[in-house]
Amino acid sequence: MSDEAESVGAGATLDVEPVGAEAILSDRAARGKSLHMAIFAGLAVLLLIAPFLMYPFFLMKLLCFALFASAFNLLLGYGGLLSFGHAAYFGMASYVSAHAAKVWGLSPELAILAGMVTAAGLGLLFGALAIRRQGIYFAMVTLAFAQMIYFFALQAPFTGGEDGIQGVPRGHLFGIIDLSNAMTFYYVVAVVFLLGILLIYRIIHSPFGQVLKAIRDNEPRAISLGYRADHYKLAVFVLSATLSGLAGGMKAIVVQLASLTDVYWAMSGEVVLMTLLGGMGTIFGPMVGAAIIITMQNYLASLGAWVTVAQGVVFVVAVLMFREGIVGVVSKWLKKPL
């Protein structure tokens, strides 16, 4: 072979760049993002037509709890922190929003904002103390704080005790949009829900979210790389509490009621059940779990206390058949993160 041919062959070889692991991962991430965007688009279309197929009040309640479960999943699924006290932020925001709307006469957006600020403050206070412990000790500390909030709600004069705050006015959003109309209010709740889910999605896929997952998977290694694990844990705790407050505040305006049920320990258990049933550590799993639980509560209400038995049976079956949650197993079948 001549020198010229050899040089051409060598040049051709050098021009071919091997596909590395980074390129493969980047391609997978791009395809995963495209899938997520398609699902979000489908979800938006579904929310658009849903009130023509189902009762708007039921749908609004479902969306509030779906947002609550997604906020909790941010802490458990991506932060690796199991809280048994998230009802404290959901319920206290519900009380504050209801009181602000009924007694202070604030517009719905300001009432809900007041509830979110309250939930964020509680999250900052309780989170700063709770993250000093790990595992079951962390869970028990959060439960203890939630019980404190429960007894506070039971005794505080502004909460109405066992009667709660009833007849919460829906008012006018920004002084313009009349929320007394069920369809109008539904679309407002749907937009807030979508924005909340997109915010959670952005948090998860941001550098902050990646560090958070690294701390969840191997905290000592993350600390050795220079990350302050406690700061990230506290940040995600406050974010989760704030979004839970958003869900609680909306729920109070939707249902026009804030009651002890919102701060009771069973509410914390329910949101754990929703998250595990749908799929912990998935984007859409908590929504599916919340939809199943709220639908059962709504359509099996005639069973009375047997509803909880039915929920237990569904949970046991789901654990046996879907070890990673419903969406987690579907994601595994498709081999794509959902």
Protein backbone atom coordinates (compact mmCIF):
# COMPACT_ATOMS: atom_id res chain seq x y z
CA MET A 1 0.00 0.00 0.00
CA SER A 2 1.32 3.44 -0.91
CA ASP A 3 2.11 6.14 1.66
CA GLU A 4 -0.80 8.24 0.34
CA ALA A 5 -3.28 5.39 0.81
CA GLU A 6 -1.97 4.74 4.28
CA SER A 7 -2.38 8.41 5.20
CA VAL A 8 -5.94 8.44 3.85
CA GLY A 9 -6.79 5.28 5.82
CA ALA A 10 -5.32 6.74 8.98
CA GLY A 11 -7.21 9.98 8.51
CA ALA A 12 -10.47 8.13 7.96
CA THR A 13 -9.92 6.20 11.16
CA LEU A 14 -9.25 9.37 13.16
CA ASP A 15 -12.37 11.09 11.83
CA VAL A 16 -14.67 8.43 13.36
CA GLU A 17 -15.50 9.32 16.97
CA PRO A 18 -16.58 6.39 19.16
CA VAL A 19 -19.92 6.67 20.90
CA GLY A 20 -19.11 6.92 24.62
CA ALA A 21 -21.15 6.34 27.75
CA GLU A 22 -21.87 10.07 28.05
CA ALA A 23 -23.46 10.15 24.58
CA ILE A 24 -25.61 7.11 25.40
CA LEU A 25 -26.75 8.62 28.70
CA SER A 26 -27.47 11.93 27.00
CA ASP A 27 -29.57 10.17 24.37
CA ARG A 28 -31.52 8.28 27.04
CA ALA A 29 -32.10 11.50 28.97
CA ALA A 30 -33.39 13.23 25.83
CA ARG A 31 -35.78 10.36 25.08
CA GLY A 32 -36.93 10.30 28.71
CA LYS A 33 -37.60 14.04 28.62
CA SER A 34 -39.56 13.70 25.39
CA LEU A 35 -41.67 10.95 26.96
CA HIS A 36 -42.33 13.05 30.04
CA MET A 37 -43.35 16.04 27.96
CA ALA A 38 -45.71 13.85 25.96
CA ILE A 39 -47.27 12.52 29.18
CA PHE A 40 -47.62 16.05 30.55
CA ALA A 41 -49.33 17.11 27.31
CA GLY A 42 -51.69 14.13 27.56
CA LEU A 43 -52.36 14.99 31.21
CA ALA A 44 -53.21 18.57 30.24
CA VAL A 45 -55.68 17.35 27.60
CA LEU A 46 -57.21 14.92 30.10
CA LEU A 47 -57.65 17.69 32.66
CA LEU A 48 -59.26 19.84 29.99
CA ILE A 49 -62.01 17.33 29.18
CA ALA A 50 -62.33 15.65 32.60
CA PRO A 51 -65.07 17.94 34.05
CA PHE A 52 -67.35 16.96 31.16
CA LEU A 53 -66.97 13.32 32.15
CA MET A 54 -66.88 13.46 35.94
CA TYR A 55 -68.11 15.62 38.80
CA PRO A 56 -65.88 18.76 39.05
CA PHE A 57 -65.93 18.82 42.87
CA PHE A 58 -64.58 15.26 43.02
CA LEU A 59 -61.90 16.10 40.45
CA MET A 60 -60.78 19.19 42.39
CA LYS A 61 -60.44 17.17 45.59
CA LEU A 62 -58.49 14.49 43.70
CA LEU A 63 -56.08 17.07 42.24
CA CYS A 64 -55.44 18.57 45.69
CA PHE A 65 -54.47 15.19 47.09
CA ALA A 66 -52.47 14.29 43.99
CA LEU A 67 -50.40 17.45 44.52
CA PHE A 68 -50.04 16.58 48.22
CA ALA A 69 -48.79 13.08 47.37
CA SER A 70 -46.36 14.44 44.78
CA ALA A 71 -45.00 16.93 47.32
CA PHE A 72 -44.52 14.12 49.83
CA ASN A 73 -42.81 12.00 47.16
CA LEU A 74 -40.30 14.80 46.66
CA LEU A 75 -39.18 14.20 50.24
CA LEU A 76 -39.47 10.41 50.39
CA GLY A 77 -38.79 9.28 46.84
CA TYR A 78 -35.98 11.70 46.00
CA GLY A 79 -34.75 12.80 49.41
CA GLY A 80 -34.96 9.38 51.03
CA LEU A 81 -36.64 10.86 54.13
CA LEU A 82 -39.73 9.09 55.46
CA SER A 83 -42.00 11.53 57.28
CA PHE A 84 -44.99 10.36 59.30
CA GLY A 85 -46.05 13.93 60.01
CA HIS A 86 -46.82 15.61 56.69
CA ALA A 87 -50.42 16.13 57.77
CA ALA A 88 -49.09 18.96 59.96
CA TYR A 89 -48.21 21.11 56.92
CA PHE A 90 -51.23 20.09 54.84
CA GLY A 91 -53.66 20.58 57.72
CA MET A 92 -52.22 23.75 59.22
CA ALA A 93 -52.17 25.41 55.80
CA SER A 94 -55.79 24.35 55.43
CA TYR A 95 -56.73 26.00 58.74
CA VAL A 96 -54.82 29.22 58.06
CA SER A 97 -56.18 29.54 54.52
CA ALA A 98 -59.74 28.92 55.71
CA HIS A 99 -59.39 31.43 58.56
CA ALA A 100 -57.78 34.03 56.28
CA ALA A 101 -60.58 33.72 53.72
CA LYS A 102 -63.49 33.63 56.18
CA VAL A 103 -62.40 35.91 59.04
CA TRP A 104 -59.79 38.19 57.52
CA GLY A 105 -61.66 38.45 54.21
CA LEU A 106 -58.59 37.81 52.07
CA SER A 107 -58.96 36.83 48.42
CA PRO A 108 -58.41 33.12 47.63
CA GLU A 109 -54.88 33.55 46.27
CA LEU A 110 -53.76 35.50 49.34
CA ALA A 111 -55.47 33.04 51.69
CA ILE A 112 -53.70 30.10 50.05
CA LEU A 113 -50.42 32.04 50.09
CA ALA A 114 -50.85 32.58 53.85
CA GLY A 115 -51.30 28.83 54.26
CA MET A 116 -48.17 28.13 52.20
CA VAL A 117 -46.08 30.57 54.25
CA THR A 118 -47.32 28.90 57.44
CA ALA A 119 -46.46 25.45 56.10
CA ALA A 120 -43.01 26.66 54.99
CA GLY A 121 -42.33 28.12 58.44
CA LEU A 122 -43.37 24.90 60.17
CA GLY A 123 -41.29 22.90 57.69
CA LEU A 124 -38.23 25.03 58.41
CA LEU A 125 -38.66 24.72 62.18
CA PHE A 126 -39.52 21.03 62.34
CA GLY A 127 -37.13 20.08 59.55
CA ALA A 128 -34.16 21.76 61.22
CA LEU A 129 -34.77 19.58 64.28
CA ALA A 130 -35.83 16.37 62.54
CA ILE A 131 -32.87 16.04 60.14
CA ARG A 132 -30.57 15.62 63.15
CA ARG A 133 -31.88 12.05 63.23
CA GLN A 134 -32.05 9.34 60.57
CA GLY A 135 -34.21 6.36 59.69
CA ILE A 136 -37.02 5.39 62.03
CA TYR A 137 -35.93 8.04 64.53
CA PHE A 138 -36.48 10.74 61.89
CA ALA A 139 -39.93 9.31 61.15
CA MET A 140 -40.90 9.23 64.82
CA VAL A 141 -39.74 12.81 65.38
CA THR A 142 -41.88 14.04 62.48
CA LEU A 143 -44.87 12.10 63.88
CA ALA A 144 -44.36 13.71 67.29
CA PHE A 145 -44.31 17.20 65.75
CA ALA A 146 -47.48 16.41 63.79
CA GLN A 147 -49.25 15.31 66.95
CA MET A 148 -48.28 18.60 68.57
CA ILE A 149 -49.96 20.43 65.70
CA TYR A 150 -53.03 18.20 66.04
CA PHE A 151 -53.51 19.05 69.70
CA PHE A 152 -52.84 22.71 68.96
CA ALA A 153 -55.59 22.63 66.31
CA LEU A 154 -57.89 20.93 68.80
CA GLN A 155 -57.41 23.63 71.45
CA ALA A 156 -56.72 26.84 69.50
CA PRO A 157 -59.73 29.21 69.43
CA PHE A 158 -59.46 30.15 65.74
CA THR A 159 -59.67 26.53 64.49
CA GLY A 160 -63.16 25.87 65.79
CA GLY A 161 -62.09 22.77 67.71
CA GLU A 162 -63.95 19.62 66.70
CA ASP A 163 -66.29 21.62 64.46
CA GLY A 164 -63.48 23.03 62.34
CA ILE A 165 -63.85 26.10 60.13
CA GLN A 166 -66.99 25.72 58.05
CA GLY A 167 -68.53 27.76 55.26
CA VAL A 168 -65.22 29.02 53.86
CA PRO A 169 -66.00 31.50 51.05
CA ARG A 170 -64.43 30.86 47.66
CA GLY A 171 -64.45 34.53 46.68
CA HIS A 172 -62.97 36.02 43.52
CA LEU A 173 -59.49 35.14 42.27
CA PHE A 174 -57.46 38.38 41.88
CA GLY A 175 -60.77 40.14 42.45
CA ILE A 176 -61.90 39.18 38.94
CA ILE A 177 -62.59 35.44 38.51
CA ASP A 178 -65.65 34.22 40.40
CA LEU A 179 -64.77 30.87 41.99
CA SER A 180 -68.35 30.13 43.05
CA ASN A 181 -68.78 28.61 39.59
CA ALA A 182 -67.64 24.96 39.86
CA MET A 183 -66.28 24.72 36.31
CA THR A 184 -64.33 27.94 36.59
CA PHE A 185 -62.85 26.90 39.92
CA TYR A 186 -61.98 23.47 38.54
CA TYR A 187 -59.84 24.93 35.76
CA VAL A 188 -58.09 27.22 38.26
CA VAL A 189 -57.26 24.20 40.44
CA ALA A 190 -56.13 22.23 37.37
CA VAL A 191 -53.74 25.01 36.32
CA VAL A 192 -52.29 25.31 39.84
CA PHE A 193 -51.91 21.51 39.97
CA LEU A 194 -50.06 21.39 36.65
CA LEU A 195 -47.76 24.25 37.65
CA GLY A 196 -47.03 22.51 40.95
CA ILE A 197 -46.19 19.21 39.24
CA LEU A 198 -44.00 20.96 36.66
CA LEU A 199 -42.15 22.72 39.50
CA ILE A 200 -41.55 19.37 41.20
CA TYR A 201 -40.35 17.93 37.88
CA ARG A 202 -37.94 20.85 37.45
CA ILE A 203 -36.61 20.44 41.00
CA ILE A 204 -35.98 16.73 40.45
CA HIS A 205 -34.11 17.28 37.18
CA SER A 206 -32.07 20.25 38.36
CA PRO A 207 -28.51 20.02 39.74
CA PHE A 208 -30.09 20.34 43.19
CA GLY A 209 -32.23 17.28 42.48
CA GLN A 210 -29.25 15.27 41.24
CA VAL A 211 -27.30 16.03 44.42
CA LEU A 212 -30.39 15.13 46.43
CA LYS A 213 -30.56 11.71 44.77
CA ALA A 214 -26.85 11.21 45.39
CA ILE A 215 -27.38 11.90 49.10
CA ARG A 216 -30.33 9.51 49.12
CA ASP A 217 -28.30 6.72 47.52
CA ASN A 218 -25.02 7.19 49.39
CA GLU A 219 -24.87 10.01 51.90
CA PRO A 220 -21.28 9.40 53.15
CA ARG A 221 -19.96 9.51 49.59
CA ALA A 222 -21.87 12.72 48.83
CA ILE A 223 -20.44 14.31 51.99
CA SER A 224 -16.94 13.19 50.98
CA LEU A 225 -17.42 15.05 47.68
CA GLY A 226 -18.00 18.27 49.61
CA TYR A 227 -21.80 18.49 49.65
CA ARG A 228 -23.48 19.61 52.87
CA ALA A 229 -26.08 16.88 53.16
CA ASP A 230 -28.00 18.51 56.02
CA HIS A 231 -28.50 21.69 54.00
CA TYR A 232 -29.96 19.75 51.08
CA LYS A 233 -32.19 17.70 53.38
CA LEU A 234 -33.54 20.82 55.05
CA ALA A 235 -34.11 22.50 51.69
CA VAL A 236 -36.12 19.58 50.30
CA PHE A 237 -38.02 19.30 53.59
CA VAL A 238 -39.10 22.94 53.36
CA LEU A 239 -39.97 22.62 49.66
CA SER A 240 -42.08 19.54 50.34
CA ALA A 241 -43.83 21.21 53.28
CA THR A 242 -44.55 24.36 51.22
CA LEU A 243 -46.07 22.41 48.33
CA SER A 244 -48.07 20.35 50.82
CA GLY A 245 -49.31 23.67 52.20
CA LEU A 246 -50.37 24.70 48.70
CA ALA A 247 -52.40 21.49 48.42
CA GLY A 248 -53.91 21.98 51.88
CA GLY A 249 -54.84 25.61 51.24
CA MET A 250 -56.51 24.75 47.94
CA LYS A 251 -58.36 21.86 49.57
CA ALA A 252 -59.80 24.20 52.23
CA ILE A 253 -61.15 26.58 49.58
CA VAL A 254 -62.44 23.72 47.40
CA VAL A 255 -64.22 21.82 50.17
CA GLN A 256 -65.01 25.07 52.07
CA LEU A 257 -63.98 23.31 55.26
CA ALA A 258 -60.89 22.87 57.43
CA SER A 259 -61.20 20.14 60.06
CA LEU A 260 -59.19 17.98 62.44
CA THR A 261 -59.13 15.27 59.78
CA ASP A 262 -56.62 17.39 57.87
CA VAL A 263 -54.07 17.31 60.73
CA TYR A 264 -54.80 13.84 62.10
CA TRP A 265 -52.03 11.21 61.92
CA ALA A 266 -54.20 9.10 59.59
CA MET A 267 -53.78 11.80 56.92
CA SER A 268 -50.01 11.32 57.09
CA GLY A 269 -50.54 7.59 56.68
CA GLU A 270 -52.81 8.15 53.71
CA VAL A 271 -50.26 10.17 51.79
CA VAL A 272 -47.62 7.50 52.46
CA LEU A 273 -50.07 4.91 51.12
CA MET A 274 -50.76 6.98 47.99
CA THR A 275 -47.05 7.36 47.28
CA LEU A 276 -46.14 3.71 47.80
CA LEU A 277 -49.18 2.46 45.89
CA GLY A 278 -48.47 4.59 42.83
CA GLY A 279 -44.69 4.27 42.92
CA MET A 280 -42.18 5.96 45.18
CA GLY A 281 -39.46 7.87 43.36
CA THR A 282 -41.48 8.26 40.16
CA ILE A 283 -42.93 11.44 38.70
CA PHE A 284 -46.43 10.19 38.01
CA GLY A 285 -46.76 7.43 40.61
CA PRO A 286 -48.14 9.57 43.47
CA MET A 287 -50.83 10.96 41.16
CA VAL A 288 -51.98 7.44 40.29
CA GLY A 289 -51.91 6.40 43.95
CA ALA A 290 -53.91 9.47 44.98
CA ALA A 291 -56.44 8.85 42.20
CA ILE A 292 -56.99 5.26 43.38
CA ILE A 293 -57.37 6.14 47.08
CA ILE A 294 -59.62 9.18 46.57
CA THR A 295 -61.78 7.29 44.06
CA MET A 296 -62.21 4.44 46.53
CA GLN A 297 -63.15 6.84 49.31
CA ASN A 298 -65.67 8.58 47.07
CA TYR A 299 -67.37 5.62 45.43
CA LEU A 300 -67.15 3.22 48.39
CA ALA A 301 -68.39 5.77 50.94
CA SER A 302 -71.54 3.71 51.46
CA LEU A 303 -69.40 1.01 53.07
CA GLY A 304 -68.61 3.31 55.99
CA ALA A 305 -65.63 2.15 58.04
CA TRP A 306 -65.13 -0.76 55.65
CA VAL A 307 -63.53 1.66 53.20
CA THR A 308 -60.29 1.45 55.21
CA VAL A 309 -60.48 -2.36 55.01
CA ALA A 310 -60.85 -2.12 51.23
CA GLN A 311 -57.87 0.25 51.10
CA GLY A 312 -55.83 -2.25 53.12
CA VAL A 313 -56.72 -5.08 50.74
CA VAL A 314 -55.77 -2.97 47.70
CA PHE A 315 -52.48 -2.00 49.35
CA VAL A 316 -51.60 -5.63 50.18
CA VAL A 317 -52.42 -6.76 46.64
CA ALA A 318 -50.38 -3.87 45.19
CA VAL A 319 -47.39 -4.71 47.39
CA LEU A 320 -47.54 -8.38 46.33
CA MET A 321 -48.03 -7.70 42.62
CA PHE A 322 -46.34 -4.31 42.19
CA ARG A 323 -43.33 -4.27 44.49
CA GLU A 324 -42.17 -0.92 43.09
CA GLY A 325 -45.63 0.62 42.87
CA ILE A 326 -47.96 0.58 39.88
CA VAL A 327 -46.10 3.21 37.85
CA GLY A 328 -42.75 1.83 39.03
CA VAL A 329 -43.54 -1.60 37.59
CA VAL A 330 -44.93 -0.13 34.35
CA SER A 331 -41.78 1.97 34.06
CA LYS A 332 -39.68 -1.15 34.51
CA TRP A 333 -41.63 -2.96 31.79
CA LEU A 334 -41.15 -0.05 29.40
CA LYS A 335 -37.55 0.35 30.61
CA LYS A 336 -38.15 4.10 30.79
CA PRO A 337 -38.37 6.30 33.90
CA LEU A 338 -41.87 7.57 34.63
